[in-house]
Protein backbone atom coordinates (compact mmCIF):
# COMPACT_ATOMS: atom_id res chain seq x y z
CA MET A 1 9.87 4.43 66.26
CA ASN A 2 8.87 6.98 68.92
CA TYR A 3 5.35 8.20 69.48
CA LEU A 4 6.11 11.74 68.33
CA GLU A 5 7.11 10.45 64.92
CA GLN A 6 3.93 8.39 64.73
CA VAL A 7 1.84 11.43 65.56
CA THR A 8 3.40 13.31 62.64
CA TYR A 9 1.72 10.78 60.34
CA MET A 10 -1.57 12.20 61.64
CA LYS A 11 -0.78 15.79 60.67
CA PRO A 12 -4.17 16.53 59.03
CA GLU A 13 -6.09 15.03 61.95
CA MET A 14 -3.98 16.84 64.56
CA LEU A 15 -4.46 20.16 62.77
CA LEU A 16 -8.22 19.62 62.60
CA LEU A 17 -8.31 18.75 66.30
CA ALA A 18 -6.31 21.87 67.14
CA GLN A 19 -8.70 24.01 65.08
CA VAL A 20 -11.77 22.57 66.80
CA VAL A 21 -10.30 23.19 70.26
CA LEU A 22 -9.18 26.72 69.35
CA LEU A 23 -12.57 27.64 67.85
CA ILE A 24 -14.37 26.33 70.94
CA LEU A 25 -12.14 28.46 73.18
CA LEU A 26 -12.64 31.52 70.97
CA ASP A 27 -16.38 31.05 71.07
CA LEU A 28 -16.42 30.67 74.84
CA PHE A 29 -13.98 33.35 75.95
CA SER A 30 -13.53 35.94 73.19
CA GLY A 31 -15.17 39.35 73.20
CA LYS A 32 -17.74 40.78 70.83
CA THR A 33 -15.13 42.22 68.48
CA ILE A 34 -13.52 38.84 67.82
CA LYS A 35 -16.88 37.09 67.63
CA LYS A 36 -17.96 39.45 64.86
CA GLN A 37 -14.96 38.22 62.88
CA PHE A 38 -15.51 34.55 63.75
CA ASP A 39 -16.31 33.58 60.14
CA ASN A 40 -13.12 35.18 58.84
CA ILE A 41 -11.04 33.62 61.61
CA ALA A 42 -12.51 30.14 61.13
CA CYS A 43 -12.20 30.20 57.32
CA GLY A 44 -8.74 31.74 57.35
CA LEU A 45 -7.47 29.31 59.94
CA PHE A 46 -8.86 26.34 58.04
CA ILE A 47 -7.34 27.51 54.75
CA VAL A 48 -3.91 27.88 56.37
CA CYS A 49 -4.15 24.47 58.04
CA SER A 50 -5.35 22.91 54.78
CA VAL A 51 -2.30 24.25 52.97
CA ILE A 52 -0.03 22.86 55.69
CA SER A 53 -1.83 19.50 55.53
CA ALA A 54 -1.37 19.35 51.76
CA LEU A 55 2.41 19.76 51.99
CA PRO A 56 4.35 16.53 51.37
CA ALA A 57 4.88 14.52 54.54
CA ASN A 58 6.23 11.19 55.70
CA THR A 59 4.16 8.10 55.00
CA GLY A 60 3.87 4.95 57.04
CA GLU A 61 1.98 3.25 59.84
CA ALA A 62 1.27 4.42 63.35
CA PHE A 63 0.11 2.73 66.54
CA GLY A 64 0.82 -0.82 65.48
CA GLY A 65 -0.85 -0.51 62.09
CA MET A 66 -4.14 0.98 63.31
CA PHE A 67 -3.47 4.16 61.35
CA THR A 68 -1.83 4.28 57.92
CA THR A 69 -0.93 7.18 55.67
CA THR A 70 0.18 7.10 52.05
CA SER A 71 0.65 9.70 49.34
CA MET A 72 -2.83 8.93 48.01
CA THR A 73 -4.50 9.30 51.42
CA GLN A 74 -2.85 12.71 51.74
CA ILE A 75 -4.19 13.69 48.31
CA VAL A 76 -7.78 12.65 49.01
CA LYS A 77 -7.73 14.44 52.38
CA ALA A 78 -6.56 17.57 50.55
CA ILE A 79 -9.47 17.17 48.12
CA LEU A 80 -11.94 16.92 51.01
CA ASN A 81 -10.38 20.03 52.59
CA LEU A 82 -10.82 21.92 49.31
CA GLY A 83 -14.48 20.96 49.17
CA THR A 84 -15.00 22.03 52.78
CA ILE A 85 -13.44 25.42 52.08
CA LEU A 86 -15.85 25.92 49.16
CA VAL A 87 -18.81 24.96 51.36
CA PHE A 88 -17.67 27.43 54.04
CA LEU A 89 -17.48 30.20 51.43
CA GLN A 90 -21.02 29.64 50.21
CA ALA A 91 -22.36 29.25 53.78
CA ARG A 92 -21.38 32.73 54.98
CA VAL A 93 -24.79 34.32 54.31
CA TRP A 94 -26.69 31.43 55.90
CA ALA A 95 -24.37 31.40 58.92
CA ASN A 96 -25.05 35.09 59.55
CA ASN A 97 -28.80 35.27 59.06
CA GLU A 98 -31.14 36.12 61.93
CA GLN A 99 -31.83 32.49 62.86
CA THR A 100 -28.26 31.25 62.99
CA LYS A 101 -25.85 34.15 63.59
CA HIS A 102 -25.94 33.71 67.38
CA LYS A 103 -24.72 30.12 66.99
CA ARG A 104 -22.73 30.29 63.76
CA SER A 105 -19.56 29.11 65.51
CA GLU A 106 -21.16 25.69 65.88
CA ILE A 107 -21.35 25.33 62.09
CA TYR A 108 -17.56 25.44 61.77
CA ILE A 109 -16.87 23.36 64.87
CA LEU A 110 -19.28 20.59 63.89
CA THR A 111 -18.16 20.55 60.26
CA LEU A 112 -14.47 20.24 61.18
CA SER A 113 -15.36 17.49 63.65
CA THR A 114 -17.07 15.47 60.91
CA LEU A 115 -14.11 16.05 58.62
CA MET A 116 -11.75 14.67 61.26
CA GLY A 117 -13.88 11.53 61.48
CA MET A 118 -13.78 11.14 57.71
CA ASN A 119 -9.99 11.42 57.73
CA LEU A 120 -9.80 8.66 60.34
CA MET A 121 -12.00 6.44 58.17
CA ILE A 122 -9.73 6.95 55.19
CA SER A 123 -6.50 6.20 57.09
CA ALA A 124 -7.85 3.42 59.32
CA GLY A 125 -5.88 0.19 59.43
CA HIS A 126 -8.13 -1.45 62.01
CA PHE A 127 -11.89 -1.92 62.19
CA LEU A 128 -12.09 -0.21 65.58
CA LEU A 129 -10.54 3.02 64.31
CA PHE A 130 -12.65 2.84 61.15
CA TYR A 131 -15.86 2.56 63.16
CA LEU A 132 -14.87 5.38 65.53
CA GLY A 133 -14.15 7.58 62.52
CA LEU A 134 -17.51 6.67 61.01
CA GLU A 135 -19.38 7.67 64.16
CA LEU A 136 -17.39 10.90 64.53
CA ALA A 137 -18.28 11.74 60.94
CA SER A 138 -21.99 10.90 61.33
CA LEU A 139 -23.16 12.29 64.67
CA PRO A 140 -22.19 15.98 64.16
CA LEU A 141 -23.77 15.78 60.71
CA THR A 142 -27.12 15.03 62.34
CA THR A 143 -26.86 18.29 64.27
CA LEU A 144 -25.98 20.23 61.12
CA ILE A 145 -28.92 18.73 59.20
CA ALA A 146 -31.35 19.70 61.98
CA TYR A 147 -29.65 23.06 62.47
CA ASN A 148 -32.68 25.15 61.52
CA LYS A 149 -34.56 23.91 64.57
CA TYR A 150 -37.60 26.11 63.97
CA GLU A 151 -38.20 24.61 60.53
CA GLU A 152 -40.17 21.38 60.52
CA THR A 153 -38.44 20.06 57.39
CA SER A 154 -34.99 20.45 58.97
CA ILE A 155 -36.01 18.64 62.14
CA GLU A 156 -37.62 15.86 60.09
CA ALA A 157 -34.49 15.51 57.97
CA GLY A 158 -32.32 15.29 61.10
CA ALA A 159 -34.56 12.60 62.58
CA LYS A 160 -34.48 10.57 59.37
CA PHE A 161 -30.73 10.87 59.08
CA VAL A 162 -29.99 9.83 62.67
CA LEU A 163 -32.28 6.80 62.37
CA ILE A 164 -30.72 5.73 59.07
CA ALA A 165 -27.22 6.39 60.44
CA ALA A 166 -27.96 4.23 63.48
CA PHE A 167 -29.39 1.45 61.33
CA SER A 168 -26.49 1.48 58.87
CA SER A 169 -23.92 1.63 61.70
CA GLY A 170 -25.64 -1.34 63.32
CA MET A 171 -25.45 -3.34 60.11
CA MET A 172 -21.81 -2.47 59.67
CA LEU A 173 -21.00 -3.34 63.28
CA PHE A 174 -22.77 -6.67 62.90
CA GLY A 175 -20.61 -7.38 59.86
CA ILE A 176 -17.48 -6.48 61.84
CA SER A 177 -18.58 -8.82 64.64
CA LEU A 178 -18.96 -11.64 62.10
CA PHE A 179 -15.47 -10.91 60.80
CA TYR A 180 -14.25 -11.11 64.39
CA GLY A 181 -15.94 -14.49 64.79
CA ALA A 182 -14.49 -15.73 61.50
CA VAL A 183 -10.85 -14.69 61.89
CA GLY A 184 -10.33 -13.68 65.54
CA ALA A 185 -9.11 -10.48 67.18
CA GLU A 186 -5.86 -10.34 65.21
CA GLY A 187 -7.86 -10.26 62.00
CA LEU A 188 -9.40 -6.90 62.87
CA TYR A 189 -6.18 -5.36 61.56
CA PHE A 190 -6.66 -4.91 57.83
CA ASP A 191 -3.21 -6.22 56.93
CA SER A 192 -3.75 -9.39 58.95
CA MET A 193 -7.30 -9.98 57.75
CA SER A 194 -6.36 -9.69 54.09
CA LYS A 195 -4.20 -12.79 54.59
CA LEU A 196 -6.93 -14.67 56.47
CA LEU A 197 -9.85 -14.06 54.12
CA SER A 198 -10.71 -17.17 52.15
CA ALA A 199 -14.30 -16.45 51.11
CA THR A 200 -15.94 -18.82 53.57
CA PRO A 201 -19.75 -18.45 53.88
CA LEU A 202 -19.39 -16.63 57.23
CA GLN A 203 -16.83 -14.22 55.82
CA LEU A 204 -18.98 -13.46 52.78
CA LEU A 205 -22.01 -12.87 55.02
CA ALA A 206 -19.91 -10.49 57.11
CA LEU A 207 -18.82 -8.70 53.93
CA VAL A 208 -22.44 -8.26 52.80
CA PHE A 209 -23.46 -6.66 56.11
CA PHE A 210 -20.38 -4.45 56.23
CA LEU A 211 -20.77 -3.20 52.66
CA SER A 212 -24.51 -2.65 53.19
CA GLY A 213 -23.72 -0.31 56.07
CA LEU A 214 -21.25 1.63 53.93
CA ALA A 215 -23.67 1.70 50.98
CA PHE A 216 -26.05 3.81 53.09
CA LYS A 217 -23.35 6.48 53.38
CA ILE A 218 -22.73 6.48 49.62
CA SER A 219 -26.50 6.39 48.82
CA LEU A 220 -26.35 3.30 46.65
CA VAL A 221 -29.70 1.80 45.64
CA PRO A 222 -31.52 0.20 47.50
CA PHE A 223 -29.93 2.02 50.46
CA HIS A 224 -30.79 5.47 49.09
CA LEU A 225 -34.29 6.22 50.34
CA TRP A 226 -33.17 8.79 52.91
CA THR A 227 -31.16 10.92 50.49
CA ALA A 228 -33.70 13.16 48.77
CA ASP A 229 -35.71 13.81 51.94
CA VAL A 230 -32.62 14.77 53.93
CA TYR A 231 -31.22 16.96 51.14
CA GLN A 232 -34.53 18.79 50.86
CA GLY A 233 -34.96 19.36 54.60
CA ALA A 234 -31.37 20.19 55.54
CA PRO A 235 -29.94 23.71 55.09
CA THR A 236 -28.75 24.00 51.49
CA ASN A 237 -25.09 24.38 52.43
CA VAL A 238 -25.28 21.27 54.62
CA SER A 239 -26.86 19.41 51.69
CA ALA A 240 -23.86 20.46 49.59
CA TYR A 241 -21.52 19.06 52.25
CA LEU A 242 -23.49 15.81 52.39
CA SER A 243 -23.60 15.35 48.64
CA VAL A 244 -19.88 15.83 48.06
CA ILE A 245 -17.71 15.66 51.18
CA SER A 246 -19.61 13.01 53.14
CA LYS A 247 -20.24 10.88 50.07
CA GLY A 248 -16.69 11.37 48.83
CA ALA A 249 -15.19 10.32 52.16
CA ALA A 250 -17.29 7.14 52.18
CA VAL A 251 -16.18 6.33 48.63
CA PHE A 252 -12.53 6.97 49.47
CA ALA A 253 -12.87 4.75 52.54
CA LEU A 254 -14.38 1.95 50.43
CA MET A 255 -11.62 2.44 47.87
CA PHE A 256 -8.87 1.93 50.44
CA LEU A 257 -10.73 -0.96 52.07
CA THR A 258 -10.99 -2.68 48.71
CA LEU A 259 -7.29 -2.09 48.15
CA LYS A 260 -6.11 -3.20 51.61
CA LEU A 261 -8.65 -5.79 52.57
CA PHE A 262 -11.27 -7.11 50.16
CA GLY A 263 -9.40 -7.04 46.85
CA ASN A 264 -8.21 -10.66 47.04
CA ILE A 265 -11.82 -11.92 47.24
CA PHE A 266 -13.25 -9.38 44.80
CA GLU A 267 -14.30 -12.16 42.41
CA TYR A 268 -16.89 -13.23 44.99
CA TRP A 269 -18.57 -9.84 45.34
CA GLN A 270 -17.91 -8.11 42.02
CA TYR A 271 -21.35 -9.00 40.66
CA ILE A 272 -22.97 -7.51 43.75
CA VAL A 273 -21.15 -4.24 43.03
CA ALA A 274 -22.11 -4.40 39.34
CA THR A 275 -25.78 -4.88 40.26
CA LEU A 276 -25.64 -1.95 42.69
CA ILE A 277 -24.10 0.23 39.96
CA VAL A 278 -26.87 -0.53 37.46
CA LEU A 279 -29.63 -0.01 40.02
CA THR A 280 -28.09 3.17 41.41
CA ILE A 281 -27.54 4.91 38.07
CA THR A 282 -30.91 3.87 36.65
CA VAL A 283 -33.09 4.58 39.70
CA GLY A 284 -31.32 7.88 40.37
CA ASN A 285 -31.93 9.03 36.79
CA LEU A 286 -35.57 7.92 36.62
CA PHE A 287 -36.51 9.62 39.88
CA ALA A 288 -34.51 12.78 39.12
CA MET A 289 -36.71 13.36 36.06
CA ARG A 290 -39.81 13.49 38.28
CA GLN A 291 -38.62 16.14 40.72
CA THR A 292 -39.86 19.70 40.95
CA ASN A 293 -37.81 20.80 43.97
CA VAL A 294 -34.21 21.69 43.09
CA LYS A 295 -32.71 20.14 46.24
CA ARG A 296 -34.61 16.86 45.79
CA PHE A 297 -33.51 16.93 42.16
CA LEU A 298 -29.88 17.26 43.23
CA GLY A 299 -30.40 14.48 45.77
CA PHE A 300 -31.40 11.98 43.09
CA SER A 301 -28.71 13.35 40.79
CA SER A 302 -26.13 12.59 43.49
CA ILE A 303 -27.49 9.04 43.77
CA SER A 304 -26.94 8.56 40.05
CA GLN A 305 -23.46 10.09 40.27
CA ALA A 306 -22.59 7.61 43.04
CA GLY A 307 -23.24 4.80 40.55
CA TYR A 308 -20.79 6.29 38.08
CA ILE A 309 -18.18 6.66 40.81
CA MET A 310 -18.58 2.98 41.67
CA LEU A 311 -17.67 2.06 38.09
CA GLY A 312 -14.08 2.83 39.00
CA MET A 313 -14.30 0.35 41.87
CA MET A 314 -14.47 -2.47 39.34
CA GLY A 315 -10.89 -1.63 38.39
CA ILE A 316 -9.70 -1.20 41.98
CA GLY A 317 -11.00 -4.66 42.87
CA THR A 318 -8.84 -6.23 40.19
CA GLY A 319 -5.74 -4.20 41.01
CA ASP A 320 -5.89 -1.87 37.99
CA PRO A 321 -4.21 1.47 38.88
CA MET A 322 -6.56 3.22 36.47
CA GLY A 323 -9.45 2.29 38.76
CA MET A 324 -8.07 4.25 41.70
CA THR A 325 -7.00 7.18 39.54
CA SER A 326 -10.38 7.43 37.81
CA VAL A 327 -12.29 7.34 41.12
CA VAL A 328 -10.19 10.11 42.68
CA PHE A 329 -10.34 12.22 39.53
CA TYR A 330 -14.11 11.71 39.22
CA LEU A 331 -14.67 12.82 42.79
CA LEU A 332 -12.49 15.89 42.29
CA VAL A 333 -14.51 16.90 39.22
CA TYR A 334 -17.79 16.06 40.97
CA LEU A 335 -16.69 18.22 43.89
CA VAL A 336 -16.21 21.42 41.89
CA SER A 337 -19.27 20.87 39.68
CA ASN A 338 -21.76 19.86 42.36
CA ILE A 339 -20.64 22.40 44.96
CA GLY A 340 -20.85 25.01 42.21
CA ILE A 341 -24.49 24.09 41.56
CA PHE A 342 -25.29 24.20 45.26
CA ALA A 343 -23.58 27.58 45.49
CA VAL A 344 -25.92 28.98 42.83
CA VAL A 345 -28.94 27.39 44.54
CA SER A 346 -27.79 28.82 47.88
CA VAL A 347 -27.39 32.35 46.50
CA ILE A 348 -30.86 32.25 44.94
CA GLU A 349 -32.46 30.78 48.07
CA ASN A 350 -30.82 33.34 50.36
CA ASN A 351 -32.15 36.21 48.28
CA SER A 352 -35.55 34.96 47.10
CA ASN A 353 -36.35 31.76 49.02
CA LYS A 354 -37.10 30.06 45.66
CA LEU A 355 -36.40 26.33 45.44
CA THR A 356 -38.54 24.87 42.67
CA ILE A 357 -37.38 24.31 39.11
CA SER A 358 -40.28 26.43 37.78
CA ASP A 359 -39.00 29.34 39.88
CA TYR A 360 -35.91 29.34 37.66
CA ASN A 361 -37.97 30.17 34.56
CA GLY A 362 -36.51 33.25 32.90
CA LEU A 363 -33.59 33.45 35.34
CA TYR A 364 -31.19 34.39 32.54
CA LYS A 365 -32.98 37.70 31.91
CA THR A 366 -32.40 38.97 35.44
CA ASN A 367 -29.31 37.00 36.54
CA PRO A 368 -27.28 36.08 33.45
CA TYR A 369 -24.03 35.29 35.25
CA LEU A 370 -25.62 32.90 37.73
CA SER A 371 -27.53 31.25 34.87
CA ILE A 372 -24.38 30.74 32.79
CA ALA A 373 -22.49 29.35 35.78
CA MET A 374 -25.35 26.96 36.56
CA MET A 375 -25.46 25.84 32.94
CA LEU A 376 -21.74 25.06 32.84
CA PHE A 377 -21.91 23.07 36.05
CA LEU A 378 -24.91 21.08 34.77
CA PHE A 379 -23.11 20.41 31.48
CA SER A 380 -20.17 19.04 33.46
CA LEU A 381 -22.36 16.74 35.56
CA GLY A 382 -24.09 15.55 32.39
CA GLY A 383 -20.77 14.66 30.79
CA ILE A 384 -20.85 17.13 27.90
CA PRO A 385 -17.42 17.88 26.37
CA PRO A 386 -15.16 19.77 26.76
CA PHE A 387 -16.08 20.20 30.42
CA ALA A 388 -14.38 18.19 33.14
CA GLY A 389 -17.36 15.90 33.72
CA PHE A 390 -16.95 14.39 30.26
CA PHE A 391 -13.40 13.28 30.97
CA SER A 392 -14.20 12.01 34.46
CA LYS A 393 -16.92 9.77 33.01
CA PHE A 394 -14.62 8.72 30.19
CA PHE A 395 -11.96 7.55 32.62
CA VAL A 396 -14.31 5.51 34.83
CA PHE A 397 -15.81 3.94 31.70
CA MET A 398 -12.31 3.07 30.47
CA SER A 399 -11.41 1.62 33.85
CA ALA A 400 -14.41 -0.73 33.76
CA ALA A 401 -13.79 -1.60 30.10
CA ASN A 402 -10.19 -2.54 30.84
CA ASP A 403 -11.53 -5.32 33.04
CA GLY A 404 -14.11 -6.53 30.53
CA TRP A 405 -17.26 -4.85 31.92
CA TYR A 406 -18.55 -3.79 28.49
CA VAL A 407 -22.25 -4.44 29.23
CA LEU A 408 -21.97 -2.40 32.43
CA ASP A 409 -20.39 0.45 30.48
CA PHE A 410 -23.14 0.25 27.86
CA ILE A 411 -25.90 0.51 30.48
CA ALA A 412 -24.10 3.42 32.13
CA LEU A 413 -23.72 5.12 28.73
CA ILE A 414 -27.46 4.84 28.04
CA ASN A 415 -28.15 6.32 31.45
CA THR A 416 -25.78 9.19 30.68
CA VAL A 417 -27.95 10.11 27.70
CA ILE A 418 -31.04 9.93 29.92
CA SER A 419 -29.40 12.18 32.51
CA LEU A 420 -28.87 14.88 29.89
CA TYR A 421 -32.65 15.23 29.65
CA TYR A 422 -33.19 16.26 33.25
CA TYR A 423 -30.05 18.38 33.49
CA LEU A 424 -31.16 20.28 30.40
CA LEU A 425 -34.61 20.81 31.94
CA ILE A 426 -33.05 23.34 34.30
CA VAL A 427 -31.09 24.94 31.45
CA LYS A 428 -34.34 25.17 29.48
CA ALA A 429 -36.09 26.78 32.45
CA MET A 430 -33.38 29.43 32.84
CA PHE A 431 -32.84 30.32 29.18
CA ILE A 432 -36.03 29.42 27.25
CA ASN A 433 -39.09 29.26 29.49
CA GLU A 434 -41.04 32.48 29.83
CA ASN A 435 -41.81 34.00 33.21
CA GLU A 436 -43.70 37.24 33.82
CA ASN A 437 -42.22 37.56 37.30
CA PRO A 438 -38.72 36.04 37.22
CA ILE A 439 -36.44 36.05 40.22
CA ALA A 440 -35.24 39.60 40.78
CA ALA A 441 -31.65 40.60 40.08
CA ILE A 442 -29.40 39.27 42.84
CA LYS A 443 -26.24 40.82 44.22
CA THR A 444 -24.03 37.86 45.08
CA ASP A 445 -21.93 38.16 48.23
CA ASN A 446 -18.15 38.25 47.79
CA ALA A 447 -17.48 34.91 49.50
CA SER A 448 -19.90 33.11 47.18
CA LYS A 449 -18.33 34.86 44.20
CA VAL A 450 -14.92 33.48 45.17
CA GLY A 451 -16.36 29.99 45.65
CA LEU A 452 -18.17 30.12 42.31
CA ALA A 453 -15.01 31.36 40.57
CA VAL A 454 -12.97 28.46 41.97
CA CYS A 455 -15.63 25.93 40.98
CA LEU A 456 -15.89 27.38 37.46
CA ALA A 457 -12.11 27.38 37.06
CA GLY A 458 -11.97 23.75 38.20
CA THR A 459 -14.81 22.68 35.92
CA LEU A 460 -13.09 24.23 32.91
CA ALA A 461 -9.44 23.55 33.74
CA LEU A 462 -9.84 19.90 34.73
CA GLY A 463 -11.38 19.26 31.35
CA VAL A 464 -8.55 20.92 29.44
CA PHE A 465 -5.35 20.11 31.32
CA SER A 466 -4.46 16.42 31.50
CA GLY A 467 -1.69 16.97 34.04
CA VAL A 468 -4.05 16.50 37.01
CA TYR A 469 -5.11 13.02 35.95
CA THR A 470 -1.55 12.09 35.03
CA GLY A 471 -0.28 13.36 38.36
CA LEU A 472 -2.87 11.35 40.28
CA SER A 473 -1.95 8.21 38.37
CA GLN A 474 1.59 8.39 39.73
CA PHE A 475 0.31 7.83 43.26
CA ALA A 476 -2.14 5.00 42.50
CA TYR A 477 -1.17 1.94 44.54
């Protein structure tokens, strides 16, 4: 096999790299006319490249097994691209405000750089490439979080994130070093290590450190303490990217690692995962009920949602195709619902600078369309039928039940009922609570309208048409 053919396996990564280079050159050397259209150029270019990336392509291994691509990896990369497009659409107003318009090109360049790192994590077949992808995904995110450098909360959030990222990367790297000591250099290839793992004490200790490092990225309890603070301090559109794209990439990476590497010793760590699921869903729900800031509320909501996503991992660990399908479908539904909520929050913040739940009192009277959209997205996250979130929860519950985790499903079901309480608090604020001075009528920008329309269509359609789930199931394993 020649190197050119191997590079074609990396089509999404090569396209992202080309976009980053081109945008840097445009930013450096283009005139004022082109720079005024930088948002349109960046978004249009990324949409075109995303469509090309989503086209069917060859699957296989490249560079001696360090990089692997399958039909499912291509699908999850397309899902992450879709989410990034939606974030770009809702970020247009923020990118062009007085504080950021002189450096808005950096938003697109840094975001695409993180996305390239996430793609490398997903397709990695070797610990070295996985770790490089992790760092490429994490470091530009720190810059995006601290992007509003004149706001103390943004700087604080960036500092917290970089410290937590360094700590979690260190834990993960220590776990990788223990794997190296346990199986040797050849075992750093996932295919080779899967044959060498025998659940020795050193290997299990390495697994604990490695998974702990990844749990920080997914915001699993007790590795979640950074989440709400960072979501609150970061620009709202960056928080949306963190809650869906960054979290989703980490989950996808863990999914493929479980499939390629750790599945044959899953019986030794399945109870650790089950404990993390219970803690994550419960703690996320209990703390979400106490929040008054919308972004902190969504931070704890995303922690709880991470627990539900991990339910599907119980099926992946035992080789059940429904596990993989349910995780991918859940993340797709979570993507459109959660980004939709952040889009509404972003529109309101850009026009009124309001970010507390009490500020939303009486919102329906002045902004009925935004209120209805917000309500539908919250219903989906809460798992109310017939919206897509109900079916995504149903499938992860079924996946866990297929492998006998009935108690785990029962605890998750109780927590689902609890979550309805705090999701409906916002609905109550918008539609029932009185407010003498509600948020004034808002004229939503066209880009946000398109993003909201796509998210609404996805929230409704994914709950009605079963073809998406059925289609995903054909590519599981």
